[in-house]
PDB file of all heavy atoms in Angstrom:
ATOM      1  N   ALA A   1       0.826  -1.209   0.009  1.00  0.00           N
ATOM      2  CA  ALA A   1       0.004  -0.001  -0.007  1.00  0.00           C
ATOM      3  C   ALA A   1       0.861   1.257   0.000  1.00  0.00           C
ATOM      4  O   ALA A   1       0.555   2.244  -0.681  1.00  0.00           O
ATOM      5  CB  ALA A   1      -0.925  -0.007   1.211  1.00  0.00           C
ATOM      6  N   VAL A   2       1.968   1.235   0.755  1.00  0.00           N
ATOM      7  CA  VAL A   2       2.875   2.368   0.788  1.00  0.00           C
ATOM      8  C   VAL A   2       3.458   2.624  -0.595  1.00  0.00           C
ATOM      9  O   VAL A   2       3.539   3.777  -1.061  1.00  0.00           O
ATOM     10  CB  VAL A   2       4.010   2.130   1.806  1.00  0.00           C
ATOM     11  CG1 VAL A   2       5.117   3.175   1.669  1.00  0.00           C
ATOM     12  CG2 VAL A   2       3.447   2.141   3.226  1.00  0.00           C
ATOM     13  N   LEU A   3       3.861   1.578  -1.299  1.00  0.00           N
ATOM     14  CA  LEU A   3       4.431   1.722  -2.637  1.00  0.00           C
ATOM     15  C   LEU A   3       3.375   2.159  -3.643  1.00  0.00           C
ATOM     16  O   LEU A   3       3.703   2.857  -4.626  1.00  0.00           O
ATOM     17  CB  LEU A   3       5.085   0.416  -3.063  1.00  0.00           C
ATOM     18  CG  LEU A   3       6.294  -0.017  -2.211  1.00  0.00           C
ATOM     19  CD1 LEU A   3       6.891  -1.307  -2.731  1.00  0.00           C
ATOM     20  CD2 LEU A   3       7.361   1.070  -2.149  1.00  0.00           C
ATOM     21  N   ALA A   4       2.122   1.775  -3.433  1.00  0.00           N
ATOM     22  CA  ALA A   4       1.053   2.260  -4.319  1.00  0.00           C
ATOM     23  C   ALA A   4       0.868   3.761  -4.161  1.00  0.00           C
ATOM     24  O   ALA A   4       0.653   4.486  -5.152  1.00  0.00           O
ATOM     25  CB  ALA A   4      -0.256   1.528  -3.996  1.00  0.00           C
ATOM     26  N   VAL A   5       0.968   4.248  -2.920  1.00  0.00           N
ATOM     27  CA  VAL A   5       0.962   5.711  -2.705  1.00  0.00           C
ATOM     28  C   VAL A   5       2.095   6.354  -3.484  1.00  0.00           C
ATOM     29  O   VAL A   5       1.911   7.386  -4.151  1.00  0.00           O
ATOM     30  CB  VAL A   5       1.101   6.032  -1.206  1.00  0.00           C
ATOM     31  CG1 VAL A   5       1.350   7.538  -0.997  1.00  0.00           C
ATOM     32  CG2 VAL A   5      -0.154   5.608  -0.441  1.00  0.00           C
ATOM     33  N   LEU A   6       3.254   5.739  -3.442  1.00  0.00           N
ATOM     34  CA  LEU A   6       4.415   6.295  -4.117  1.00  0.00           C
ATOM     35  C   LEU A   6       4.202   6.361  -5.625  1.00  0.00           C
ATOM     36  O   LEU A   6       4.589   7.338  -6.279  1.00  0.00           O
ATOM     37  CB  LEU A   6       5.651   5.456  -3.784  1.00  0.00           C
ATOM     38  CG  LEU A   6       7.000   6.037  -4.224  1.00  0.00           C
ATOM     39  CD1 LEU A   6       7.232   7.386  -3.580  1.00  0.00           C
ATOM     40  CD2 LEU A   6       8.126   5.073  -3.873  1.00  0.00           C
ATOM     41  N   LEU A   7       3.615   5.340  -6.186  1.00  0.00           N
ATOM     42  CA  LEU A   7       3.310   5.377  -7.617  1.00  0.00           C
ATOM     43  C   LEU A   7       2.410   6.575  -7.951  1.00  0.00           C
ATOM     44  O   LEU A   7       2.621   7.276  -8.948  1.00  0.00           O
ATOM     45  CB  LEU A   7       2.629   4.078  -8.055  1.00  0.00           C
ATOM     46  CG  LEU A   7       3.461   2.793  -8.029  1.00  0.00           C
ATOM     47  CD1 LEU A   7       2.608   1.606  -8.459  1.00  0.00           C
ATOM     48  CD2 LEU A   7       4.678   2.928  -8.916  1.00  0.00           C
ATOM     49  N   GLY A   8       1.402   6.785  -7.132  1.00  0.00           N
ATOM     50  CA  GLY A   8       0.486   7.903  -7.378  1.00  0.00           C
ATOM     51  C   GLY A   8       1.143   9.259  -7.267  1.00  0.00           C
ATOM     52  O   GLY A   8       0.917  10.127  -8.122  1.00  0.00           O
ATOM     53  N   VAL A   9       1.984   9.462  -6.253  1.00  0.00           N
ATOM     54  CA  VAL A   9       2.566  10.792  -6.040  1.00  0.00           C
ATOM     55  C   VAL A   9       3.776  11.034  -6.932  1.00  0.00           C
ATOM     56  O   VAL A   9       4.211  12.183  -7.057  1.00  0.00           O
ATOM     57  CB  VAL A   9       2.971  11.003  -4.554  1.00  0.00           C
ATOM     58  CG1 VAL A   9       1.750  10.931  -3.661  1.00  0.00           C
ATOM     59  CG2 VAL A   9       4.031   9.997  -4.111  1.00  0.00           C
ATOM     60  N   ASN A  10       4.320   9.993  -7.558  1.00  0.00           N
ATOM     61  CA  ASN A  10       5.449  10.184  -8.470  1.00  0.00           C
ATOM     62  C   ASN A  10       5.013  10.275  -9.932  1.00  0.00           C
ATOM     63  O   ASN A  10       5.566  11.075 -10.698  1.00  0.00           O
ATOM     64  CB  ASN A  10       6.466   9.054  -8.312  1.00  0.00           C
ATOM     65  CG  ASN A  10       7.337   9.214  -7.084  1.00  0.00           C
ATOM     66  OD1 ASN A  10       7.059  10.042  -6.232  1.00  0.00           O
ATOM     67  ND2 ASN A  10       8.380   8.419  -6.972  1.00  0.00           N
ATOM     68  N   ILE A  11       4.055   9.462 -10.338  1.00  0.00           N
ATOM     69  CA  ILE A  11       3.594   9.509 -11.726  1.00  0.00           C
ATOM     70  C   ILE A  11       2.511  10.573 -11.906  1.00  0.00           C
ATOM     71  O   ILE A  11       2.493  11.297 -12.919  1.00  0.00           O
ATOM     72  CB  ILE A  11       3.058   8.127 -12.155  1.00  0.00           C
ATOM     73  CG1 ILE A  11       4.181   7.085 -12.125  1.00  0.00           C
ATOM     74  CG2 ILE A  11       2.441   8.196 -13.555  1.00  0.00           C
ATOM     75  CD1 ILE A  11       3.715   5.655 -12.401  1.00  0.00           C
ATOM     76  N   GLY A  12       1.626  10.705 -10.931  1.00  0.00           N
ATOM     77  CA  GLY A  12       0.515  11.631 -11.017  1.00  0.00           C
ATOM     78  C   GLY A  12       0.881  13.084 -11.310  1.00  0.00           C
ATOM     79  O   GLY A  12       0.177  13.757 -12.069  1.00  0.00           O
ATOM     80  N   PRO A  13       1.984  13.610 -10.736  1.00  0.00           N
ATOM     81  CA  PRO A  13       2.316  15.020 -10.958  1.00  0.00           C
ATOM     82  C   PRO A  13       2.601  15.415 -12.398  1.00  0.00           C
ATOM     83  O   PRO A  13       2.668  16.607 -12.698  1.00  0.00           O
ATOM     84  CB  PRO A  13       3.571  15.211 -10.082  1.00  0.00           C
ATOM     85  CG  PRO A  13       3.418  14.224  -9.001  1.00  0.00           C
ATOM     86  CD  PRO A  13       2.784  13.029  -9.650  1.00  0.00           C
ATOM     87  N   ASN A  14       2.771  14.450 -13.299  1.00  0.00           N
ATOM     88  CA  ASN A  14       2.978  14.815 -14.708  1.00  0.00           C
ATOM     89  C   ASN A  14       1.707  15.354 -15.367  1.00  0.00           C
ATOM     90  O   ASN A  14       1.734  15.761 -16.523  1.00  0.00           O
ATOM     91  CB  ASN A  14       3.468  13.595 -15.494  1.00  0.00           C
ATOM     92  CG  ASN A  14       4.939  13.314 -15.260  1.00  0.00           C
ATOM     93  OD1 ASN A  14       5.720  14.216 -15.021  1.00  0.00           O
ATOM     94  ND2 ASN A  14       5.315  12.048 -15.313  1.00  0.00           N
ATOM     95  N   LEU A  15       0.617  15.390 -14.600  1.00  0.00           N
ATOM     96  CA  LEU A  15      -0.643  15.874 -15.153  1.00  0.00           C
ATOM     97  C   LEU A  15      -0.753  17.393 -15.101  1.00  0.00           C
ATOM     98  O   LEU A  15      -1.325  18.022 -16.001  1.00  0.00           O
ATOM     99  CB  LEU A  15      -1.817  15.260 -14.396  1.00  0.00           C
ATOM    100  CG  LEU A  15      -3.217  15.502 -14.927  1.00  0.00           C
ATOM    101  CD1 LEU A  15      -3.355  15.005 -16.364  1.00  0.00           C
ATOM    102  CD2 LEU A  15      -4.246  14.827 -14.032  1.00  0.00           C
ATOM    103  N   THR A  16      -0.196  18.045 -14.069  1.00  0.00           N
ATOM    104  CA  THR A  16      -0.330  19.489 -13.895  1.00  0.00           C
ATOM    105  C   THR A  16       1.010  20.108 -13.490  1.00  0.00           C
ATOM    106  O   THR A  16       1.878  19.424 -12.955  1.00  0.00           O
ATOM    107  CB  THR A  16      -1.366  19.842 -12.825  1.00  0.00           C
ATOM    108  OG1 THR A  16      -0.909  19.371 -11.552  1.00  0.00           O
ATOM    109  CG2 THR A  16      -2.715  19.236 -13.133  1.00  0.00           C
ATOM    110  N   TYR A  17       1.134  21.405 -13.722  1.00  0.00           N
ATOM    111  CA  TYR A  17       2.334  22.121 -13.315  1.00  0.00           C
ATOM    112  C   TYR A  17       2.601  21.999 -11.820  1.00  0.00           C
ATOM    113  O   TYR A  17       3.733  21.856 -11.369  1.00  0.00           O
ATOM    114  CB  TYR A  17       2.205  23.621 -13.636  1.00  0.00           C
ATOM    115  CG  TYR A  17       2.365  23.989 -15.085  1.00  0.00           C
ATOM    116  CD1 TYR A  17       1.716  25.107 -15.599  1.00  0.00           C
ATOM    117  CD2 TYR A  17       3.138  23.243 -15.951  1.00  0.00           C
ATOM    118  CE1 TYR A  17       1.846  25.474 -16.931  1.00  0.00           C
ATOM    119  CE2 TYR A  17       3.275  23.599 -17.286  1.00  0.00           C
ATOM    120  CZ  TYR A  17       2.624  24.722 -17.762  1.00  0.00           C
ATOM    121  OH  TYR A  17       2.757  25.074 -19.069  1.00  0.00           O
ATOM    122  N   ALA A  18       1.537  22.121 -11.030  1.00  0.00           N
ATOM    123  CA  ALA A  18       1.676  22.204  -9.582  1.00  0.00           C
ATOM    124  C   ALA A  18       1.803  20.843  -8.913  1.00  0.00           C
ATOM    125  O   ALA A  18       1.891  20.757  -7.696  1.00  0.00           O
ATOM    126  CB  ALA A  18       0.495  22.965  -8.974  1.00  0.00           C
ATOM    127  N   GLY A  19       1.838  19.767  -9.706  1.00  0.00           N
ATOM    128  CA  GLY A  19       1.863  18.449  -9.106  1.00  0.00           C
ATOM    129  C   GLY A  19       3.110  18.140  -8.306  1.00  0.00           C
ATOM    130  O   GLY A  19       3.061  17.414  -7.324  1.00  0.00           O
ATOM    131  N   SER A  20       4.257  18.672  -8.740  1.00  0.00           N
ATOM    132  CA  SER A  20       5.503  18.448  -7.998  1.00  0.00           C
ATOM    133  C   SER A  20       6.374  19.686  -8.087  1.00  0.00           C
ATOM    134  O   SER A  20       6.303  20.461  -9.061  1.00  0.00           O
ATOM    135  CB  SER A  20       6.248  17.234  -8.545  1.00  0.00           C
ATOM    136  OG  SER A  20       6.878  17.530  -9.777  1.00  0.00           O
ATOM    137  N   LEU A  21       7.216  19.857  -7.081  1.00  0.00           N
ATOM    138  CA  LEU A  21       8.148  20.970  -7.074  1.00  0.00           C
ATOM    139  C   LEU A  21       9.145  20.839  -8.219  1.00  0.00           C
ATOM    140  O   LEU A  21       9.622  21.836  -8.764  1.00  0.00           O
ATOM    141  CB  LEU A  21       8.884  21.031  -5.732  1.00  0.00           C
ATOM    142  CG  LEU A  21       8.003  21.350  -4.528  1.00  0.00           C
ATOM    143  CD1 LEU A  21       8.823  21.233  -3.238  1.00  0.00           C
ATOM    144  CD2 LEU A  21       7.390  22.725  -4.646  1.00  0.00           C
ATOM    145  N   ALA A  22       9.490  19.597  -8.602  1.00  0.00           N
ATOM    146  CA  ALA A  22      10.430  19.393  -9.701  1.00  0.00           C
ATOM    147  C   ALA A  22       9.899  19.971 -11.001  1.00  0.00           C
ATOM    148  O   ALA A  22      10.636  20.587 -11.778  1.00  0.00           O
ATOM    149  CB  ALA A  22      10.715  17.900  -9.858  1.00  0.00           C
ATOM    150  N   THR A  23       8.592  19.799 -11.252  1.00  0.00           N
ATOM    151  CA  THR A  23       8.000  20.328 -12.480  1.00  0.00           C
ATOM    152  C   THR A  23       8.024  21.858 -12.487  1.00  0.00           C
ATOM    153  O   THR A  23       8.288  22.483 -13.507  1.00  0.00           O
ATOM    154  CB  THR A  23       6.566  19.824 -12.637  1.00  0.00           C
ATOM    155  OG1 THR A  23       6.553  18.404 -12.604  1.00  0.00           O
ATOM    156  CG2 THR A  23       5.954  20.303 -13.943  1.00  0.00           C
ATOM    157  N   LEU A  24       7.757  22.439 -11.316  1.00  0.00           N
ATOM    158  CA  LEU A  24       7.803  23.906 -11.228  1.00  0.00           C
ATOM    159  C   LEU A  24       9.208  24.419 -11.491  1.00  0.00           C
ATOM    160  O   LEU A  24       9.412  25.427 -12.176  1.00  0.00           O
ATOM    161  CB  LEU A  24       7.329  24.351  -9.841  1.00  0.00           C
ATOM    162  CG  LEU A  24       5.871  24.031  -9.515  1.00  0.00           C
ATOM    163  CD1 LEU A  24       5.584  24.313  -8.047  1.00  0.00           C
ATOM    164  CD2 LEU A  24       4.927  24.825 -10.399  1.00  0.00           C
ATOM    165  N   LEU A  25      10.209  23.722 -10.940  1.00  0.00           N
ATOM    166  CA  LEU A  25      11.596  24.124 -11.154  1.00  0.00           C
ATOM    167  C   LEU A  25      11.978  23.940 -12.625  1.00  0.00           C
ATOM    168  O   LEU A  25      12.658  24.783 -13.204  1.00  0.00           O
ATOM    169  CB  LEU A  25      12.490  23.271 -10.240  1.00  0.00           C
ATOM    170  CG  LEU A  25      13.995  23.561 -10.312  1.00  0.00           C
ATOM    171  CD1 LEU A  25      14.281  25.025 -10.012  1.00  0.00           C
ATOM    172  CD2 LEU A  25      14.750  22.661  -9.337  1.00  0.00           C
ATOM    173  N   TRP A  26      11.546  22.855 -13.230  1.00  0.00           N
ATOM    174  CA  TRP A  26      11.808  22.610 -14.651  1.00  0.00           C
ATOM    175  C   TRP A  26      11.235  23.726 -15.514  1.00  0.00           C
ATOM    176  O   TRP A  26      11.864  24.182 -16.468  1.00  0.00           O
ATOM    177  CB  TRP A  26      11.194  21.270 -15.039  1.00  0.00           C
ATOM    178  CG  TRP A  26      11.183  20.984 -16.508  1.00  0.00           C
ATOM    179  CD1 TRP A  26      12.205  20.466 -17.251  1.00  0.00           C
ATOM    180  CD2 TRP A  26      10.092  21.185 -17.418  1.00  0.00           C
ATOM    181  NE1 TRP A  26      11.812  20.330 -18.568  1.00  0.00           N
ATOM    182  CE2 TRP A  26      10.519  20.756 -18.686  1.00  0.00           C
ATOM    183  CE3 TRP A  26       8.798  21.656 -17.271  1.00  0.00           C
ATOM    184  CZ2 TRP A  26       9.693  20.798 -19.815  1.00  0.00           C
ATOM    185  CZ3 TRP A  26       7.973  21.706 -18.384  1.00  0.00           C
ATOM    186  CH2 TRP A  26       8.432  21.294 -19.648  1.00  0.00           C
ATOM    187  N   ARG A  27      10.050  24.173 -15.148  1.00  0.00           N
ATOM    188  CA  ARG A  27       9.408  25.236 -15.939  1.00  0.00           C
ATOM    189  C   ARG A  27      10.223  26.514 -15.900  1.00  0.00           C
ATOM    190  O   ARG A  27      10.380  27.215 -16.907  1.00  0.00           O
ATOM    191  CB  ARG A  27       7.995  25.477 -15.404  1.00  0.00           C
ATOM    192  CG  ARG A  27       7.152  26.376 -16.296  1.00  0.00           C
ATOM    193  CD  ARG A  27       5.800  26.609 -15.679  1.00  0.00           C
ATOM    194  NE  ARG A  27       4.995  27.490 -16.487  1.00  0.00           N
ATOM    195  CZ  ARG A  27       3.893  28.102 -16.053  1.00  0.00           C
ATOM    196  NH1 ARG A  27       3.476  27.893 -14.820  1.00  0.00           N
ATOM    197  NH2 ARG A  27       3.206  28.897 -16.831  1.00  0.00           N
ATOM    198  N   ARG A  28      10.801  26.821 -14.727  1.00  0.00           N
ATOM    199  CA  ARG A  28      11.643  28.022 -14.623  1.00  0.00           C
ATOM    200  C   ARG A  28      12.902  27.879 -15.465  1.00  0.00           C
ATOM    201  O   ARG A  28      13.344  28.838 -16.115  1.00  0.00           O
ATOM    202  CB  ARG A  28      12.014  28.276 -13.140  1.00  0.00           C
ATOM    203  CG  ARG A  28      10.869  28.799 -12.311  1.00  0.00           C
ATOM    204  CD  ARG A  28      11.367  29.531 -11.079  1.00  0.00           C
ATOM    205  NE  ARG A  28      12.015  28.629 -10.139  1.00  0.00           N
ATOM    206  CZ  ARG A  28      11.373  27.955  -9.177  1.00  0.00           C
ATOM    207  NH1 ARG A  28      10.072  28.087  -9.057  1.00  0.00           N
ATOM    208  NH2 ARG A  28      12.027  27.187  -8.346  1.00  0.00           N
ATOM    209  N   ILE A  29      13.478  26.676 -15.495  1.00  0.00           N
ATOM    210  CA  ILE A  29      14.684  26.456 -16.281  1.00  0.00           C
ATOM    211  C   ILE A  29      14.384  26.593 -17.774  1.00  0.00           C
ATOM    212  O   ILE A  29      15.158  27.165 -18.539  1.00  0.00           O
ATOM    213  CB  ILE A  29      15.279  25.064 -15.960  1.00  0.00           C
ATOM    214  CG1 ILE A  29      15.826  25.065 -14.530  1.00  0.00           C
ATOM    215  CG2 ILE A  29      16.383  24.683 -16.944  1.00  0.00           C
ATOM    216  CD1 ILE A  29      16.245  23.712 -14.037  1.00  0.00           C
ATOM    217  N   VAL A  30      13.233  26.074 -18.197  1.00  0.00           N
ATOM    218  CA  VAL A  30      12.834  26.179 -19.596  1.00  0.00           C
ATOM    219  C   VAL A  30      12.698  27.650 -19.998  1.00  0.00           C
ATOM    220  O   VAL A  30      13.130  28.068 -21.076  1.00  0.00           O
ATOM    221  CB  VAL A  30      11.513  25.411 -19.830  1.00  0.00           C
ATOM    222  CG1 VAL A  30      10.918  25.754 -21.196  1.00  0.00           C
ATOM    223  CG2 VAL A  30      11.755  23.910 -19.731  1.00  0.00           C
ATOM    224  N   ARG A  31      12.111  28.446 -19.127  1.00  0.00           N
ATOM    225  CA  ARG A  31      11.939  29.869 -19.427  1.00  0.00           C
ATOM    226  C   ARG A  31      13.292  30.585 -19.501  1.00  0.00           C
ATOM    227  O   ARG A  31      13.459  31.533 -20.276  1.00  0.00           O
ATOM    228  CB  ARG A  31      11.062  30.514 -18.363  1.00  0.00           C
ATOM    229  CG  ARG A  31       9.587  30.182 -18.526  1.00  0.00           C
ATOM    230  CD  ARG A  31       8.737  30.800 -17.436  1.00  0.00           C
ATOM    231  NE  ARG A  31       7.322  30.652 -17.704  1.00  0.00           N
ATOM    232  CZ  ARG A  31       6.368  31.029 -16.862  1.00  0.00           C
ATOM    233  NH1 ARG A  31       6.689  31.548 -15.680  1.00  0.00           N
ATOM    234  NH2 ARG A  31       5.091  30.870 -17.174  1.00  0.00           N
ATOM    235  N   GLU A  32      14.244  30.134 -18.717  1.00  0.00           N
ATOM    236  CA  GLU A  32      15.587  30.738 -18.772  1.00  0.00           C
ATOM    237  C   GLU A  32      16.246  30.479 -20.110  1.00  0.00           C
ATOM    238  O   GLU A  32      17.199  31.173 -20.487  1.00  0.00           O
ATOM    239  CB  GLU A  32      16.457  30.157 -17.650  1.00  0.00           C
ATOM    240  CG  GLU A  32      16.048  30.657 -16.256  1.00  0.00           C
ATOM    241  CD  GLU A  32      16.793  29.935 -15.140  1.00  0.00           C
ATOM    242  OE1 GLU A  32      17.647  29.064 -15.471  1.00  0.00           O
ATOM    243  OE2 GLU A  32      16.551  30.231 -13.972  1.00  0.00           O
ATOM    244  N   HIS A  33      15.789  29.483 -20.857  1.00  0.00           N
ATOM    245  CA  HIS A  33      16.320  29.183 -22.181  1.00  0.00           C
ATOM    246  C   HIS A  33      15.417  29.764 -23.266  1.00  0.00           C
ATOM    247  O   HIS A  33      15.384  29.262 -24.412  1.00  0.00           O
ATOM    248  CB  HIS A  33      16.462  27.678 -22.376  1.00  0.00           C
ATOM    249  CG  HIS A  33      17.598  27.078 -21.610  1.00  0.00           C
ATOM    250  ND1 HIS A  33      17.544  26.825 -20.251  1.00  0.00           N
ATOM    251  CD2 HIS A  33      18.858  26.710 -22.001  1.00  0.00           C
ATOM    252  CE1 HIS A  33      18.677  26.307 -19.846  1.00  0.00           C
ATOM    253  NE2 HIS A  33      19.501  26.229 -20.891  1.00  0.00           N
ATOM    254  N   ASP A  34      14.702  30.822 -22.939  1.00  0.00           N
ATOM    255  CA  ASP A  34      13.856  31.560 -23.883  1.00  0.00           C
ATOM    256  C   ASP A  34      12.834  30.658 -24.544  1.00  0.00           C
ATOM    257  O   ASP A  34      12.518  30.796 -25.744  1.00  0.00           O
ATOM    258  CB  ASP A  34      14.722  32.240 -24.957  1.00  0.00           C
ATOM    259  CG  ASP A  34      15.649  33.270 -24.369  1.00  0.00           C
ATOM    260  OD1 ASP A  34      15.231  33.968 -23.417  1.00  0.00           O
ATOM    261  OD2 ASP A  34      16.804  33.357 -24.827  1.00  0.00           O
ATOM    262  N   THR A  35      12.321  29.727 -23.774  1.00  0.00           N
ATOM    263  CA  THR A  35      11.265  28.815 -24.261  1.00  0.00           C
ATOM    264  C   THR A  35      10.151  28.829 -23.236  1.00  0.00           C
ATOM    265  O   THR A  35      10.406  28.948 -22.037  1.00  0.00           O
ATOM    266  CB  THR A  35      11.818  27.385 -24.418  1.00  0.00           C
ATOM    267  OG1 THR A  35      12.965  27.418 -25.265  1.00  0.00           O
ATOM    268  CG2 THR A  35      10.771  26.454 -25.021  1.00  0.00           C
ATOM    269  N   ASP A  36       8.933  28.721 -23.698  1.00  0.00           N
ATOM    270  CA  ASP A  36       7.803  28.649 -22.764  1.00  0.00           C
ATOM    271  C   ASP A  36       7.050  27.342 -22.989  1.00  0.00           C
ATOM    272  O   ASP A  36       7.144  26.725 -24.046  1.00  0.00           O
ATOM    273  CB  ASP A  36       6.849  29.836 -22.955  1.00  0.00           C
ATOM    274  CG  ASP A  36       6.041  30.108 -21.687  1.00  0.00           C
ATOM    275  OD1 ASP A  36       6.202  29.353 -20.700  1.00  0.00           O
ATOM    276  OD2 ASP A  36       5.267  31.074 -21.668  1.00  0.00           O
ATOM    277  N   VAL A  37       6.308  26.951 -21.985  1.00  0.00           N
ATOM    278  CA  VAL A  37       5.550  25.705 -22.040  1.00  0.00           C
ATOM    279  C   VAL A  37       4.079  26.055 -22.124  1.00  0.00           C
ATOM    280  O   VAL A  37       3.557  26.805 -21.290  1.00  0.00           O
ATOM    281  CB  VAL A  37       5.828  24.851 -20.799  1.00  0.00           C
ATOM    282  CG1 VAL A  37       5.029  23.547 -20.876  1.00  0.00           C
ATOM    283  CG2 VAL A  37       7.309  24.563 -20.654  1.00  0.00           C
ATOM    284  N   ASP A  38       3.432  25.531 -23.144  1.00  0.00           N
ATOM    285  CA  ASP A  38       1.995  25.785 -23.312  1.00  0.00           C
ATOM    286  C   ASP A  38       1.215  24.922 -22.320  1.00  0.00           C
ATOM    287  O   ASP A  38       1.378  23.684 -22.286  1.00  0.00           O
ATOM    288  CB  ASP A  38       1.589  25.470 -24.731  1.00  0.00           C
ATOM    289  CG  ASP A  38       0.101  25.698 -24.961  1.00  0.00           C
ATOM    290  OD1 ASP A  38      -0.326  26.862 -24.947  1.00  0.00           O
ATOM    291  OD2 ASP A  38      -0.621  24.690 -25.129  1.00  0.00           O
ATOM    292  N   LEU A  39       0.360  25.557 -21.519  1.00  0.00           N
ATOM    293  CA  LEU A  39      -0.395  24.829 -20.499  1.00  0.00           C
ATOM    294  C   LEU A  39      -1.282  23.744 -21.124  1.00  0.00           C
ATOM    295  O   LEU A  39      -1.361  22.619 -20.624  1.00  0.00           O
ATOM    296  CB  LEU A  39      -1.250  25.808 -19.690  1.00  0.00           C
ATOM    297  CG  LEU A  39      -2.193  25.181 -18.651  1.00  0.00           C
ATOM    298  CD1 LEU A  39      -1.400  24.401 -17.608  1.00  0.00           C
ATOM    299  CD2 LEU A  39      -3.035  26.266 -17.980  1.00  0.00           C
ATOM    300  N   GLY A  40      -1.936  24.086 -22.234  1.00  0.00           N
ATOM    301  CA  GLY A  40      -2.800  23.123 -22.885  1.00  0.00           C
ATOM    302  C   GLY A  40      -2.033  21.909 -23.367  1.00  0.00           C
ATOM    303  O   GLY A  40      -2.469  20.766 -23.214  1.00  0.00           O
ATOM    304  N   GLU A  41      -0.876  22.151 -23.974  1.00  0.00           N
ATOM    305  CA  GLU A  41      -0.056  21.037 -24.476  1.00  0.00           C
ATOM    306  C   GLU A  41       0.459  20.181 -23.321  1.00  0.00           C
ATOM    307  O   GLU A  41       0.419  18.946 -23.399  1.00  0.00           O
ATOM    308  CB  GLU A  41       1.128  21.608 -25.260  1.00  0.00           C
ATOM    309  CG  GLU A  41       2.033  20.545 -25.858  1.00  0.00           C
ATOM    310  CD  GLU A  41       3.159  21.165 -26.646  1.00  0.00           C
ATOM    311  OE1 GLU A  41       4.051  21.824 -26.015  1.00  0.00           O
ATOM    312  OE2 GLU A  41       3.195  20.995 -27.895  1.00  0.00           O
ATOM    313  N   PHE A  42       0.908  20.820 -22.259  1.00  0.00           N
ATOM    314  CA  PHE A  42       1.390  20.079 -21.089  1.00  0.00           C
ATOM    315  C   PHE A  42       0.280  19.192 -20.523  1.00  0.00           C
ATOM    316  O   PHE A  42       0.515  18.019 -20.190  1.00  0.00           O
ATOM    317  CB  PHE A  42       1.870  21.065 -20.019  1.00  0.00           C
ATOM    318  CG  PHE A  42       2.569  20.417 -18.853  1.00  0.00           C
ATOM    319  CD1 PHE A  42       3.944  20.309 -18.810  1.00  0.00           C
ATOM    320  CD2 PHE A  42       1.848  19.901 -17.785  1.00  0.00           C
ATOM    321  CE1 PHE A  42       4.596  19.717 -17.736  1.00  0.00           C
ATOM    322  CE2 PHE A  42       2.465  19.289 -16.711  1.00  0.00           C
ATOM    323  CZ  PHE A  42       3.854  19.209 -16.686  1.00  0.00           C
ATOM    324  N   THR A  43      -0.917  19.742 -20.431  1.00  0.00           N
ATOM    325  CA  THR A  43      -2.037  18.995 -19.860  1.00  0.00           C
ATOM    326  C   THR A  43      -2.488  17.865 -20.768  1.00  0.00           C
ATOM    327  O   THR A  43      -2.785  16.756 -20.314  1.00  0.00           O
ATOM    328  CB  THR A  43      -3.210  19.946 -19.569  1.00  0.00           C
ATOM    329  OG1 THR A  43      -2.746  21.026 -18.724  1.00  0.00           O
ATOM    330  CG2 THR A  43      -4.333  19.219 -18.861  1.00  0.00           C
ATOM    331  N   ARG A  44      -2.523  18.130 -22.078  1.00  0.00           N
ATOM    332  CA  ARG A  44      -2.928  17.063 -23.020  1.00  0.00           C
ATOM    333  C   ARG A  44      -1.960  15.893 -22.951  1.00  0.00           C
ATOM    334  O   ARG A  44      -2.381  14.724 -22.939  1.00  0.00           O
ATOM    335  CB  ARG A  44      -2.984  17.612 -24.443  1.00  0.00           C
ATOM    336  CG  ARG A  44      -4.163  18.521 -24.749  1.00  0.00           C
ATOM    337  CD  ARG A  44      -4.357  18.723 -26.241  1.00  0.00           C
ATOM    338  NE  ARG A  44      -3.145  19.226 -26.896  1.00  0.00           N
ATOM    339  CZ  ARG A  44      -2.815  20.507 -26.976  1.00  0.00           C
ATOM    340  NH1 ARG A  44      -3.611  21.426 -26.419  1.00  0.00           N
ATOM    341  NH2 ARG A  44      -1.725  20.882 -27.612  1.00  0.00           N
TER     342      ARG A  44
END
């Protein structure tokens, strides 16, 4: 059951920007390279 929780909290955050701190940090790095991430594309 503990590992099932882990699957949810590690794979699930790829659905939204706010799902994990790593995704938020990645988004800032992408912007530093003069690139932006489209919210619709990320969500799809």
